[in-house]
Protein backbone atom coordinates (compact mmCIF):
# COMPACT_ATOMS: atom_id res chain seq x y z
CA MET A 1 0.42 0.49 -0.12
CA ARG A 2 1.24 3.47 -1.15
CA ILE A 3 0.01 6.33 1.51
CA PHE A 4 1.21 10.19 0.71
CA THR A 5 -0.43 12.46 2.94
CA PHE A 6 -0.15 16.32 1.86
CA GLY A 7 0.12 19.47 3.97
CA ILE A 8 0.29 16.83 6.67
CA ALA A 9 -0.96 19.79 9.60
CA LEU A 10 -1.29 18.68 13.54
CA HIS A 11 -3.60 21.17 14.79
CA ALA A 12 -6.11 20.39 11.89
CA MET A 13 -9.82 20.53 12.23
CA LYS A 14 -11.11 19.19 9.47
CA ASN A 15 -8.31 16.30 7.57
CA LEU A 16 -9.92 14.25 4.55
CA VAL A 17 -8.51 10.50 3.96
CA ILE A 18 -9.49 8.34 0.43
CA ASP A 19 -8.91 5.27 -0.18
CA ILE A 20 -8.55 4.08 -3.83
CA GLY A 21 -9.17 1.49 -4.02
CA ASN A 22 -9.59 -1.51 -7.50
CA THR A 23 -13.43 -0.95 -7.89
CA ASN A 24 -13.86 1.90 -5.12
CA SER A 25 -12.86 4.79 -3.50
CA LYS A 26 -13.69 5.46 -0.29
CA VAL A 27 -13.43 8.65 1.69
CA GLY A 28 -13.93 9.92 5.61
CA ILE A 29 -13.76 13.12 6.49
CA PHE A 30 -12.69 13.76 10.92
CA ASN A 31 -13.34 16.36 12.62
CA GLN A 32 -9.72 16.04 14.68
CA HIS A 33 -10.20 12.15 15.63
CA GLU A 34 -14.02 12.18 15.00
CA LEU A 35 -15.22 10.27 11.78
CA LYS A 36 -18.28 12.74 10.55
CA GLU A 37 -18.88 11.72 7.02
CA GLU A 38 -18.06 8.74 5.24
CA ARG A 39 -18.85 8.09 0.92
CA VAL A 40 -18.04 5.51 -1.28
CA PHE A 41 -17.62 6.96 -4.88
CA VAL A 42 -17.94 4.10 -7.99
CA ASP A 43 -16.59 5.87 -10.55
CA GLU A 44 -13.50 8.54 -10.63
CA ASP A 45 -15.33 11.80 -12.56
CA SER A 46 -18.06 11.51 -9.25
CA LEU A 47 -14.35 12.29 -6.21
CA LYS A 48 -12.85 15.05 -8.84
CA SER A 49 -16.74 16.47 -8.13
CA PHE A 50 -16.52 15.91 -4.93
CA LEU A 51 -13.55 16.57 -4.15
CA GLN A 52 -13.30 20.51 -6.35
CA THR A 53 -15.76 21.25 -3.35
CA CYS A 54 -14.14 19.66 -0.51
CA GLU A 55 -13.24 21.77 1.70
CA ALA A 56 -10.56 20.38 3.87
CA ASP A 57 -7.26 21.21 6.35
CA CYS A 58 -4.97 17.77 6.21
CA LEU A 59 -5.85 15.16 3.34
CA LEU A 60 -3.78 11.68 3.65
CA LEU A 61 -4.70 9.73 0.25
CA ALA A 62 -4.04 5.92 0.39
CA SER A 63 -4.19 3.88 -3.36
CA VAL A 64 -2.84 0.00 -3.58
CA SER A 65 -3.10 0.24 -7.03
CA LYS A 66 -4.47 2.95 -8.94
CA SER A 67 -3.00 6.21 -9.64
CA TYR A 68 -2.96 8.75 -8.08
CA ASP A 69 -2.15 11.09 -9.99
CA ALA A 70 -4.98 12.20 -11.67
CA LEU A 71 -6.39 13.32 -8.21
CA LEU A 72 -4.05 15.23 -7.95
CA PRO A 73 -5.08 18.64 -9.52
CA TYR A 74 -8.26 17.82 -7.73
CA THR A 75 -6.86 18.65 -4.25
CA ARG A 76 -4.79 21.43 -4.75
CA HIS A 77 -6.75 23.72 -2.20
CA ILE A 78 -6.53 21.52 0.35
CA GLY A 79 -3.75 20.53 3.06
CA LYS A 80 -2.71 24.38 4.00
CA THR A 81 0.69 23.98 6.28
CA TYR A 82 0.96 25.24 9.60
């Protein structure tokens, strides 16, 4: 498994975690350590649309097989460094 973190912030209030699987991409939104929302995306376009509007302080992106490169332009607004 490859794990990449962007804008790691120890005091981040809203953290976005993305697991890119072989079939689906799963997203969890955390407020500090508490899971606030879960979503499952069956296609990359839906995930990209979500990422464009999602506000988060920190992003953790994991993928076992698929490339994550196509998603990075949609996450540029996430990851302010403290």
